[in-house]
Amino acid sequence: MRRAIKISLVTLTGAALSLGASGCGGKKSSSGSDEGGKKTVKVGLAFDIGGRGDQSFNDSAAAGLDKAKKDLNITTEEISAKPDEPDADKEARLKLLAGKGYNPVIGVGFAYTNAVNKIAKEYPNTKFLVVDADQCKVEGANVEGACFAEEQGSFLVGAAAALKSKSGKIGFIGGVNVPLIHKFYAGYAAGAKKAKPGVTVLPAKYLTQPPNFDGFKNPALGNEAAKGQLDAGADVIFHAAGGAGIGVIKTVGAAKKWAIGVDSDQYNLPAVAEAKEQILTSMLKRVDVAVFDFVKSVSDGTFKAGTKKYDLSNDGVGYATSGGKVDDIKAKLDELKADIASGKITVPTS
């Protein structure tokens, strides 16, 4: 198969957003063009704040797009969100991509849910994906929402935290105080209590309150929060804070305590190289799989609207084993995984 690959990284100013939105004109968008007898699919992807290179959630989405570029005949354009931007900016960004003929168009992060639902109605011939669809709900015959059982993966790393803790106290740091991140904490606490009923799970620490989403981006905030939980006696800390979690991992690693990563396997991230041996595990959230599955479905004509759930039963979430730090408890973690997948254990979401 001949591959047509072109990457265009675009940084938009507010003026460019307005110009792009007003210049879209037509409401129809083609899926791509024929090249060498093969259909080239044009994929437009709008990242959440932090964009490609956040070494967490966005990079997992980028990995799925990269796999699609490798395995399928596609061209791409990527755009990143800005901190504290209004929904109107997200709508303009999606409209810009759809108006330029990108089909499908992907919004990475629950904050894109309303924008996708709105713009998809204006471009009924364009397929849209929301990664982390808010409350696992989307609208329209041309919209798919990928949602994840974060609480299930978090249950497993919570069990690992409790089993590895020597102090009997474990901590949790969430990026922003929103329902999505509450799922991580609920699963984490439940898994810890299941594995070791006497463990103390410190109250969750959220770095920012909406509409301030800097808690998913600023490592300094993660650093300060980690110091506080270490001072409270935690010797294992799980972060669900995106790029801000880099600060958590570095601080916990420097204290020679256990850190737990999130979204992707963070053990080999260059940004935390000095702390890698203190990364116990990571809660895996297979955003890469969701992005690739969606692009492939549009490419081969099997797209289905509605929500698609990624959980332990289809390996949509899980835990990392890099570094061998959980090898001694892996049998117990896999037993719990099987019980959740079979329905024997129901994990709370709040």
Protein backbone atom coordinates (compact mmCIF):
# COMPACT_ATOMS: atom_id res chain seq x y z
CA MET A 1 0.00 0.00 0.00
CA ARG A 2 1.31 3.38 -0.88
CA ARG A 3 1.38 5.67 2.14
CA ALA A 4 0.77 9.37 1.96
CA ILE A 5 2.02 11.00 5.12
CA LYS A 6 2.16 14.72 5.81
CA ILE A 7 2.25 16.31 9.23
CA SER A 8 1.37 19.94 9.74
CA LEU A 9 1.75 21.40 13.21
CA VAL A 10 -0.30 24.56 13.50
CA THR A 11 -0.21 27.19 16.21
CA LEU A 12 -3.29 29.36 16.09
CA THR A 13 -3.64 32.84 17.47
CA GLY A 14 -7.06 34.13 18.44
CA ALA A 15 -7.17 36.06 15.17
CA ALA A 16 -6.39 32.98 13.15
CA LEU A 17 -9.13 31.09 14.93
CA SER A 18 -11.64 33.77 14.05
CA LEU A 19 -10.46 33.94 10.45
CA GLY A 20 -10.59 30.17 10.08
CA ALA A 21 -14.05 29.96 11.57
CA SER A 22 -15.48 32.70 9.40
CA GLY A 23 -13.85 31.37 6.25
CA CYS A 24 -15.18 27.82 6.39
CA GLY A 25 -18.10 28.46 4.09
CA GLY A 26 -19.34 25.07 2.93
CA LYS A 27 -20.74 22.48 5.25
CA LYS A 28 -19.61 19.39 3.36
CA SER A 29 -16.31 17.68 3.90
CA SER A 30 -14.79 14.83 1.92
CA SER A 31 -13.05 11.91 3.58
CA GLY A 32 -9.94 12.44 1.47
CA SER A 33 -8.62 12.14 -2.05
CA ASP A 34 -7.54 9.33 -4.31
CA GLU A 35 -3.82 8.89 -4.73
CA GLY A 36 -2.39 5.99 -6.67
CA GLY A 37 -5.76 4.25 -6.51
CA LYS A 38 -5.81 4.39 -2.71
CA LYS A 39 -8.04 6.72 -0.75
CA THR A 40 -6.12 9.18 1.39
CA VAL A 41 -7.97 10.01 4.60
CA LYS A 42 -7.37 13.50 5.98
CA VAL A 43 -7.39 13.41 9.79
CA GLY A 44 -7.67 16.59 11.84
CA LEU A 45 -6.82 16.31 15.53
CA ALA A 46 -7.34 18.97 18.20
CA PHE A 47 -5.34 18.32 21.38
CA ASP A 48 -6.25 19.31 24.90
CA ILE A 49 -3.99 21.84 26.67
CA GLY A 50 -0.38 20.69 26.74
CA GLY A 51 -0.64 19.18 23.27
CA ARG A 52 1.79 16.69 21.81
CA GLY A 53 4.72 16.41 24.18
CA ASP A 54 2.80 16.50 27.48
CA GLN A 55 4.20 13.00 28.19
CA SER A 56 0.79 11.83 29.37
CA PHE A 57 -2.78 12.04 28.04
CA ASN A 58 -2.15 13.99 24.83
CA ASP A 59 0.90 11.93 23.97
CA SER A 60 -1.18 8.78 24.22
CA ALA A 61 -3.57 10.25 21.63
CA ALA A 62 -0.56 11.24 19.52
CA ALA A 63 0.71 7.66 19.65
CA GLY A 64 -2.60 6.45 18.20
CA LEU A 65 -2.38 9.02 15.42
CA ASP A 66 1.22 8.04 14.72
CA LYS A 67 0.20 4.39 14.41
CA ALA A 68 -2.54 5.39 11.97
CA LYS A 69 0.02 7.32 9.91
CA LYS A 70 2.23 4.24 9.85
CA ASP A 71 -0.44 1.66 9.08
CA LEU A 72 -3.02 3.58 7.05
CA ASN A 73 -3.07 5.98 4.10
CA ILE A 74 -3.67 9.29 5.86
CA THR A 75 -2.52 12.89 6.10
CA THR A 76 -2.93 14.87 9.30
CA GLU A 77 -3.12 18.28 10.87
CA GLU A 78 -2.73 18.87 14.61
CA ILE A 79 -3.82 21.87 16.68
CA SER A 80 -3.50 22.43 20.43
CA ALA A 81 -5.83 24.10 22.88
CA LYS A 82 -4.82 27.01 25.11
CA PRO A 83 -5.21 27.22 28.89
CA ASP A 84 -8.52 28.61 30.14
CA GLU A 85 -9.93 29.09 26.65
CA PRO A 86 -13.74 29.31 26.14
CA ASP A 87 -15.79 26.69 24.28
CA ALA A 88 -16.03 29.14 21.37
CA ASP A 89 -12.32 28.64 20.67
CA LYS A 90 -12.73 24.88 20.63
CA GLU A 91 -15.69 25.23 18.28
CA ALA A 92 -13.68 27.46 15.95
CA ARG A 93 -10.78 25.01 15.98
CA LEU A 94 -13.01 22.07 15.03
CA LYS A 95 -14.82 24.16 12.42
CA LEU A 96 -11.50 25.19 10.91
CA LEU A 97 -10.42 21.56 10.51
CA ALA A 98 -13.76 20.38 9.12
CA GLY A 99 -13.95 23.37 6.78
CA LYS A 100 -10.52 22.56 5.38
CA GLY A 101 -11.73 19.10 4.40
CA TYR A 102 -10.39 17.04 7.28
CA ASN A 103 -12.60 14.02 7.82
CA PRO A 104 -12.51 12.60 10.43
CA VAL A 105 -11.92 15.23 13.10
CA ILE A 106 -10.87 14.34 16.64
CA GLY A 107 -11.23 16.36 19.85
CA VAL A 108 -8.94 15.07 22.60
CA GLY A 109 -10.33 15.58 26.09
CA PHE A 110 -13.75 15.82 27.74
CA ALA A 111 -13.70 19.62 27.36
CA TYR A 112 -14.34 19.14 23.62
CA THR A 113 -17.64 17.31 24.15
CA ASN A 114 -20.01 20.28 23.79
CA ALA A 115 -18.00 21.76 20.93
CA VAL A 116 -18.00 18.50 18.96
CA ASN A 117 -21.72 17.93 19.51
CA LYS A 118 -22.41 21.44 18.18
CA ILE A 119 -20.04 21.54 15.19
CA ALA A 120 -20.90 17.99 14.09
CA LYS A 121 -24.44 19.21 13.32
CA GLU A 122 -23.01 21.82 10.96
CA TYR A 123 -20.87 19.21 9.16
CA PRO A 124 -23.10 16.12 8.91
CA ASN A 125 -20.81 14.47 6.34
CA THR A 126 -17.77 14.68 8.61
CA LYS A 127 -17.12 12.02 11.25
CA PHE A 128 -16.10 13.27 14.71
CA LEU A 129 -14.57 11.63 17.78
CA VAL A 130 -14.50 12.94 21.33
CA VAL A 131 -11.83 11.21 23.40
CA ASP A 132 -13.03 11.06 27.04
CA ALA A 133 -16.58 12.11 26.16
CA ASP A 134 -18.05 13.98 29.13
CA GLN A 135 -20.30 11.66 31.13
CA CYS A 136 -19.83 9.18 28.23
CA LYS A 137 -22.48 10.99 26.17
CA VAL A 138 -22.36 12.30 22.59
CA GLU A 139 -24.98 13.39 20.06
CA GLY A 140 -25.45 12.83 16.36
CA ALA A 141 -25.21 10.15 13.69
CA ASN A 142 -21.68 11.30 12.81
CA VAL A 143 -20.21 11.42 16.32
CA GLU A 144 -18.41 8.77 18.34
CA GLY A 145 -17.43 9.15 21.97
CA ALA A 146 -14.60 7.09 23.43
CA CYS A 147 -14.92 6.70 27.18
CA PHE A 148 -12.81 4.77 29.64
CA ALA A 149 -13.32 2.86 32.88
CA GLU A 150 -10.58 4.86 34.63
CA GLU A 151 -11.88 3.61 37.95
CA GLN A 152 -11.05 0.01 36.99
CA GLY A 153 -7.43 0.67 36.10
CA SER A 154 -7.11 2.90 39.15
CA PHE A 155 -8.47 0.08 41.34
CA LEU A 156 -5.52 -2.08 40.30
CA VAL A 157 -2.86 0.55 40.96
CA GLY A 158 -4.59 1.34 44.26
CA ALA A 159 -4.19 -2.29 45.22
CA ALA A 160 -0.53 -2.12 44.20
CA ALA A 161 -0.03 1.02 46.29
CA ALA A 162 -1.52 -0.56 49.39
CA LEU A 163 0.45 -3.77 49.02
CA LYS A 164 3.73 -1.90 48.54
CA SER A 165 3.23 0.77 51.20
CA LYS A 166 5.35 0.47 54.33
CA SER A 167 3.89 3.46 56.15
CA GLY A 168 0.31 2.33 55.65
CA LYS A 169 -0.54 5.71 54.09
CA ILE A 170 -0.97 6.38 50.38
CA GLY A 171 -1.83 9.56 48.48
CA PHE A 172 -3.61 10.79 45.38
CA ILE A 173 -3.15 14.00 43.37
CA GLY A 174 -5.69 14.98 40.72
CA GLY A 175 -5.10 17.70 38.17
CA VAL A 176 -8.49 19.44 38.24
CA ASN A 177 -11.46 18.90 40.53
CA VAL A 178 -13.89 17.49 37.94
CA PRO A 179 -16.05 14.30 37.87
CA LEU A 180 -13.67 12.56 35.45
CA ILE A 181 -10.78 12.76 37.93
CA HIS A 182 -13.06 11.72 40.78
CA LYS A 183 -13.33 8.35 39.02
CA PHE A 184 -9.57 7.85 39.34
CA TYR A 185 -9.64 8.55 43.07
CA ALA A 186 -12.72 6.42 43.72
CA GLY A 187 -11.18 3.39 42.03
CA TYR A 188 -7.79 3.97 43.63
CA ALA A 189 -9.21 4.14 47.14
CA ALA A 190 -11.45 1.10 46.59
CA GLY A 191 -8.59 -1.00 45.23
CA ALA A 192 -6.34 -0.06 48.13
CA LYS A 193 -8.99 -0.98 50.70
CA LYS A 194 -9.70 -4.26 48.94
CA ALA A 195 -6.06 -5.29 48.93
CA LYS A 196 -5.26 -4.08 52.44
CA PRO A 197 -8.33 -3.05 54.50
CA GLY A 198 -6.26 -1.22 57.12
CA VAL A 199 -4.51 1.14 54.71
CA THR A 200 -5.07 4.89 55.04
CA VAL A 201 -5.90 6.68 51.78
CA LEU A 202 -5.25 10.39 52.24
CA PRO A 203 -7.94 12.80 51.00
CA ALA A 204 -7.52 13.62 47.32
CA LYS A 205 -5.55 16.75 46.51
CA TYR A 206 -6.76 18.62 43.41
CA LEU A 207 -4.33 21.10 41.90
CA THR A 208 -6.89 23.54 40.47
CA GLN A 209 -10.61 24.15 40.32
CA PRO A 210 -12.47 24.59 37.01
CA PRO A 211 -12.43 26.66 34.88
CA ASN A 212 -8.70 26.79 35.70
CA PHE A 213 -7.20 23.74 33.98
CA ASP A 214 -3.57 24.56 34.76
CA GLY A 215 -3.64 21.50 37.03
CA PHE A 216 -3.19 19.37 33.95
CA LYS A 217 -0.17 21.32 32.76
CA ASN A 218 1.95 22.97 35.49
CA PRO A 219 4.56 20.62 37.06
CA ALA A 220 5.27 23.15 39.83
CA LEU A 221 1.75 22.62 41.17
CA GLY A 222 2.32 18.87 41.22
CA ASN A 223 5.61 19.34 43.02
CA GLU A 224 4.05 21.34 45.85
CA ALA A 225 1.11 18.96 46.25
CA ALA A 226 3.44 15.97 46.41
CA LYS A 227 5.47 17.61 49.18
CA GLY A 228 2.29 18.05 51.18
CA GLN A 229 1.26 14.40 50.88
CA LEU A 230 4.76 13.18 51.64
CA ASP A 231 4.75 15.34 54.77
CA ALA A 232 1.43 13.70 55.71
CA GLY A 233 3.14 10.31 55.68
CA ALA A 234 2.28 8.92 52.26
CA ASP A 235 4.96 6.66 50.80
CA VAL A 236 3.06 5.90 47.58
CA ILE A 237 1.39 8.67 45.54
CA PHE A 238 -0.74 8.23 42.40
CA HIS A 239 -1.21 11.22 40.14
CA ALA A 240 -3.96 11.83 37.58
CA ALA A 241 -2.70 15.25 36.58
CA GLY A 242 -1.42 15.06 33.02
CA GLY A 243 1.69 17.16 32.47
CA ALA A 244 1.54 18.51 36.04
CA GLY A 245 2.12 14.95 37.19
CA ILE A 246 5.74 15.19 36.04
CA GLY A 247 6.30 17.40 39.08
CA VAL A 248 4.67 14.78 41.29
CA ILE A 249 6.87 11.98 40.01
CA LYS A 250 10.08 13.99 40.34
CA THR A 251 9.32 15.07 43.89
CA VAL A 252 8.21 11.63 45.06
CA GLY A 253 11.20 10.02 43.36
CA ALA A 254 13.62 12.44 45.02
CA ALA A 255 12.15 11.43 48.38
CA LYS A 256 12.78 7.76 47.49
CA LYS A 257 9.10 6.94 47.79
CA TRP A 258 6.86 5.26 45.20
CA ALA A 259 5.15 7.24 42.44
CA ILE A 260 2.40 5.91 40.18
CA GLY A 261 2.03 7.35 36.69
CA VAL A 262 -1.09 7.76 34.58
CA ASP A 263 -2.50 7.36 31.06
CA SER A 264 0.68 6.02 29.44
CA ASP A 265 3.55 3.92 30.84
CA GLN A 266 5.62 6.72 32.36
CA TYR A 267 8.57 4.56 33.45
CA ASN A 268 10.74 5.44 30.46
CA LEU A 269 9.81 9.10 30.04
CA PRO A 270 12.93 11.24 29.54
CA ALA A 271 11.41 14.00 31.68
CA VAL A 272 11.48 11.77 34.79
CA ALA A 273 14.61 9.75 34.04
CA GLU A 274 16.11 10.55 37.43
CA ALA A 275 13.01 9.18 39.18
CA LYS A 276 12.27 6.14 37.00
CA GLU A 277 13.36 3.59 39.59
CA GLN A 278 10.77 5.05 41.98
CA ILE A 279 7.89 4.62 39.53
CA LEU A 280 5.98 1.64 40.90
CA THR A 281 3.57 1.33 37.97
CA SER A 282 1.30 3.47 35.80
CA MET A 283 -2.44 3.32 35.28
CA LEU A 284 -2.80 2.74 31.55
CA LYS A 285 -5.58 4.47 29.69
CA ARG A 286 -5.44 3.34 26.06
CA VAL A 287 -6.28 6.60 24.37
CA ASP A 288 -3.93 5.51 21.59
CA VAL A 289 -6.12 2.51 20.86
CA ALA A 290 -9.29 4.63 20.81
CA VAL A 291 -7.78 7.12 18.33
CA PHE A 292 -6.45 4.39 16.04
CA ASP A 293 -9.70 2.38 16.17
CA PHE A 294 -11.70 5.45 15.18
CA VAL A 295 -9.45 6.49 12.28
CA LYS A 296 -9.41 2.92 10.99
CA SER A 297 -13.20 2.65 11.19
CA VAL A 298 -13.59 5.78 9.08
CA SER A 299 -10.92 4.59 6.66
CA ASP A 300 -12.49 1.18 6.11
CA GLY A 301 -16.13 2.28 6.27
CA THR A 302 -17.08 0.59 9.55
CA PHE A 303 -17.69 3.76 11.61
CA LYS A 304 -20.53 3.54 14.14
CA ALA A 305 -21.92 6.51 16.00
CA GLY A 306 -22.42 6.49 19.75
CA THR A 307 -20.15 5.70 22.67
CA LYS A 308 -17.51 3.02 22.83
CA LYS A 309 -16.32 1.86 26.26
CA TYR A 310 -12.74 0.89 26.97
CA ASP A 311 -12.32 -1.10 30.18
CA LEU A 312 -10.52 -4.10 31.65
CA SER A 313 -12.58 -6.57 29.62
CA ASN A 314 -11.07 -5.26 26.35
CA ASP A 315 -7.75 -4.04 27.80
CA GLY A 316 -8.84 -0.43 27.33
CA VAL A 317 -7.35 0.30 30.76
CA GLY A 318 -4.78 -1.54 32.84
CA TYR A 319 -1.49 -1.21 34.68
CA ALA A 320 2.15 -1.12 33.58
CA THR A 321 4.83 -3.61 34.62
CA SER A 322 7.93 -1.79 33.34
CA GLY A 323 10.86 -1.97 35.73
CA GLY A 324 9.57 -5.11 37.41
CA LYS A 325 8.47 -3.21 40.52
CA VAL A 326 5.15 -5.07 40.79
CA ASP A 327 6.38 -8.50 39.72
CA ASP A 328 5.99 -9.85 43.26
CA ILE A 329 2.32 -8.81 43.46
CA LYS A 330 1.35 -9.31 39.82
CA ALA A 331 -0.56 -12.54 40.52
CA LYS A 332 -2.76 -10.71 43.04
CA LEU A 333 -3.32 -7.77 40.68
CA ASP A 334 -4.27 -10.08 37.83
CA GLU A 335 -6.67 -11.93 40.11
CA LEU A 336 -8.39 -8.64 40.93
CA LYS A 337 -8.38 -7.72 37.23
CA ALA A 338 -10.16 -10.98 36.36
CA ASP A 339 -12.74 -10.42 39.10
CA ILE A 340 -13.52 -6.93 37.79
CA ALA A 341 -13.69 -8.05 34.16
CA SER A 342 -16.06 -10.88 35.08
CA GLY A 343 -18.31 -8.63 37.14
CA LYS A 344 -17.44 -10.25 40.45
CA ILE A 345 -16.09 -6.92 41.68
CA THR A 346 -17.92 -3.68 40.86
CA VAL A 347 -15.69 -0.65 41.12
CA PRO A 348 -17.22 2.64 42.34
CA THR A 349 -16.95 5.77 40.19
CA SER A 350 -17.44 8.38 42.90
